[in-house]
Amino acid sequence: MLAVFLLAWTVLEMVNHGGGTIPLGIAGFIAPCLTRFFGPAGPHEPGQLPRGRVPAYNLVHRPIGPVLVLVVVPFLPGDGPGANVGLFTFGLAWLLHIAADRALGHGLRTADGRQR
């Protein structure tokens, strides 16, 4: 249910503000998965993440990061109330990614790269 709410809110922000919020919203949703490709690779089985990539993956798949973005961004200086809406939308999309992963049964990884 949370994922549906976050999806609706993210899309609403992108439609209402347009411009840079659209690519930032898409980037916020996709960016957490990029940690699967960056970091030291090593031997691993199918479905298992290499050990060197697990810390970065787990870091960006914890909700504290996007929640901090959503709390801090409205207080950043800017010209008018919509000045930092793109960063806010990025945080929403990032949180949406985490909620969708959890809803689909994908969570954090163990130290050896397996699903918890």
Protein backbone atom coordinates (compact mmCIF):
# COMPACT_ATOMS: atom_id res chain seq x y z
CA MET A 1 0.00 0.00 0.00
CA LEU A 2 2.88 2.34 0.81
CA ALA A 3 4.41 1.71 -2.60
CA VAL A 4 1.15 2.69 -4.32
CA PHE A 5 0.94 5.90 -2.29
CA LEU A 6 4.57 6.80 -3.06
CA LEU A 7 4.06 6.02 -6.75
CA ALA A 8 1.02 8.32 -6.90
CA TRP A 9 2.85 11.10 -5.04
CA THR A 10 5.96 10.82 -7.22
CA VAL A 11 3.93 10.89 -10.43
CA LEU A 12 1.89 13.82 -9.09
CA GLU A 13 5.08 15.81 -8.39
CA MET A 14 6.47 15.02 -11.84
CA VAL A 15 3.22 16.00 -13.60
CA ASN A 16 2.64 19.16 -11.55
CA HIS A 17 6.17 20.52 -11.87
CA GLY A 18 7.39 18.97 -15.14
CA GLY A 19 10.82 19.99 -16.43
CA GLY A 20 13.70 18.62 -14.40
CA THR A 21 11.50 16.74 -11.97
CA ILE A 22 10.77 14.06 -14.55
CA PRO A 23 14.37 12.90 -15.17
CA LEU A 24 15.17 13.32 -11.46
CA GLY A 25 12.17 11.18 -10.52
CA ILE A 26 13.21 8.48 -12.97
CA ALA A 27 16.82 8.68 -11.76
CA GLY A 28 15.70 8.38 -8.14
CA PHE A 29 13.82 5.21 -8.95
CA ILE A 30 16.65 3.62 -10.99
CA ALA A 31 19.76 4.80 -9.11
CA PRO A 32 19.59 2.36 -6.15
CA CYS A 33 19.86 -0.59 -8.55
CA LEU A 34 23.06 0.77 -10.06
CA THR A 35 24.94 -0.37 -6.94
CA ARG A 36 24.62 -3.90 -8.33
CA PHE A 37 27.12 -2.93 -11.03
CA PHE A 38 29.64 -0.81 -9.10
CA GLY A 39 32.21 -2.06 -6.65
CA PRO A 40 34.57 -4.97 -6.50
CA ALA A 41 33.27 -8.04 -8.26
CA GLY A 42 34.01 -11.52 -7.16
CA PRO A 43 32.77 -15.06 -7.41
CA HIS A 44 29.05 -15.39 -6.85
CA GLU A 45 26.14 -17.63 -7.72
CA PRO A 46 23.09 -16.57 -9.76
CA GLY A 47 20.91 -14.29 -7.64
CA GLN A 48 23.76 -13.58 -5.28
CA LEU A 49 25.48 -10.19 -5.15
CA PRO A 50 29.30 -10.15 -5.03
CA ARG A 51 30.51 -9.49 -1.47
CA GLY A 52 32.24 -6.25 -2.44
CA ARG A 53 28.97 -4.73 -3.68
CA VAL A 54 26.83 -5.63 -0.67
CA PRO A 55 27.70 -2.64 1.58
CA ALA A 56 26.79 -0.05 -1.07
CA TYR A 57 23.65 -1.98 -2.05
CA ASN A 58 22.46 -2.21 1.56
CA LEU A 59 23.28 1.45 2.22
CA VAL A 60 21.09 2.79 -0.60
CA HIS A 61 18.31 0.30 0.12
CA ARG A 62 17.71 1.61 3.65
CA PRO A 63 14.93 4.20 3.95
CA ILE A 64 16.93 6.61 6.13
CA GLY A 65 18.67 8.17 3.08
CA PRO A 66 15.58 9.20 1.14
CA VAL A 67 13.73 10.19 4.33
CA LEU A 68 16.59 12.57 5.17
CA VAL A 69 16.37 13.99 1.65
CA LEU A 70 12.62 14.56 2.06
CA VAL A 71 13.13 16.28 5.42
CA VAL A 72 16.12 18.46 4.47
CA VAL A 73 15.30 19.55 0.91
CA PRO A 74 12.30 21.78 1.78
CA PHE A 75 14.61 23.84 4.01
CA LEU A 76 17.32 24.38 1.39
CA PRO A 77 17.64 27.94 0.12
CA GLY A 78 16.14 28.70 -3.26
CA ASP A 79 14.02 31.09 -5.26
CA GLY A 80 10.48 30.37 -4.19
CA PRO A 81 8.70 27.36 -2.74
CA GLY A 82 9.28 25.13 -5.80
CA ALA A 83 13.02 25.75 -6.08
CA ASN A 84 14.15 22.32 -4.92
CA VAL A 85 11.19 20.25 -6.06
CA GLY A 86 13.42 18.16 -8.35
CA LEU A 87 15.53 16.97 -5.42
CA PHE A 88 12.38 16.32 -3.42
CA THR A 89 11.01 14.21 -6.27
CA PHE A 90 14.33 12.32 -6.43
CA GLY A 91 13.93 11.46 -2.73
CA LEU A 92 10.32 10.36 -3.24
CA ALA A 93 11.29 8.11 -6.15
CA TRP A 94 14.18 6.66 -4.16
CA LEU A 95 11.83 5.84 -1.29
CA LEU A 96 9.36 4.41 -3.83
CA HIS A 97 12.11 2.10 -5.12
CA ILE A 98 12.79 0.81 -1.60
CA ALA A 99 9.08 0.32 -0.84
CA ALA A 100 8.51 -1.48 -4.16
CA ASP A 101 11.48 -3.76 -3.50
CA ARG A 102 10.13 -4.65 -0.07
CA ALA A 103 6.61 -5.21 -1.47
CA LEU A 104 8.04 -7.60 -4.07
CA GLY A 105 10.03 -9.52 -1.44
CA HIS A 106 13.45 -8.04 -2.17
CA GLY A 107 15.18 -6.78 0.91
CA LEU A 108 18.66 -6.13 2.15
CA ARG A 109 21.45 -8.59 1.44
CA THR A 110 23.46 -10.70 3.86
CA ALA A 111 27.22 -10.23 4.02
CA ASP A 112 27.71 -13.00 1.44
CA GLY A 113 25.28 -11.29 -0.99
CA ARG A 114 22.20 -13.47 -0.59
CA GLN A 115 18.65 -12.19 0.00
CA ARG A 116 17.69 -11.99 3.66
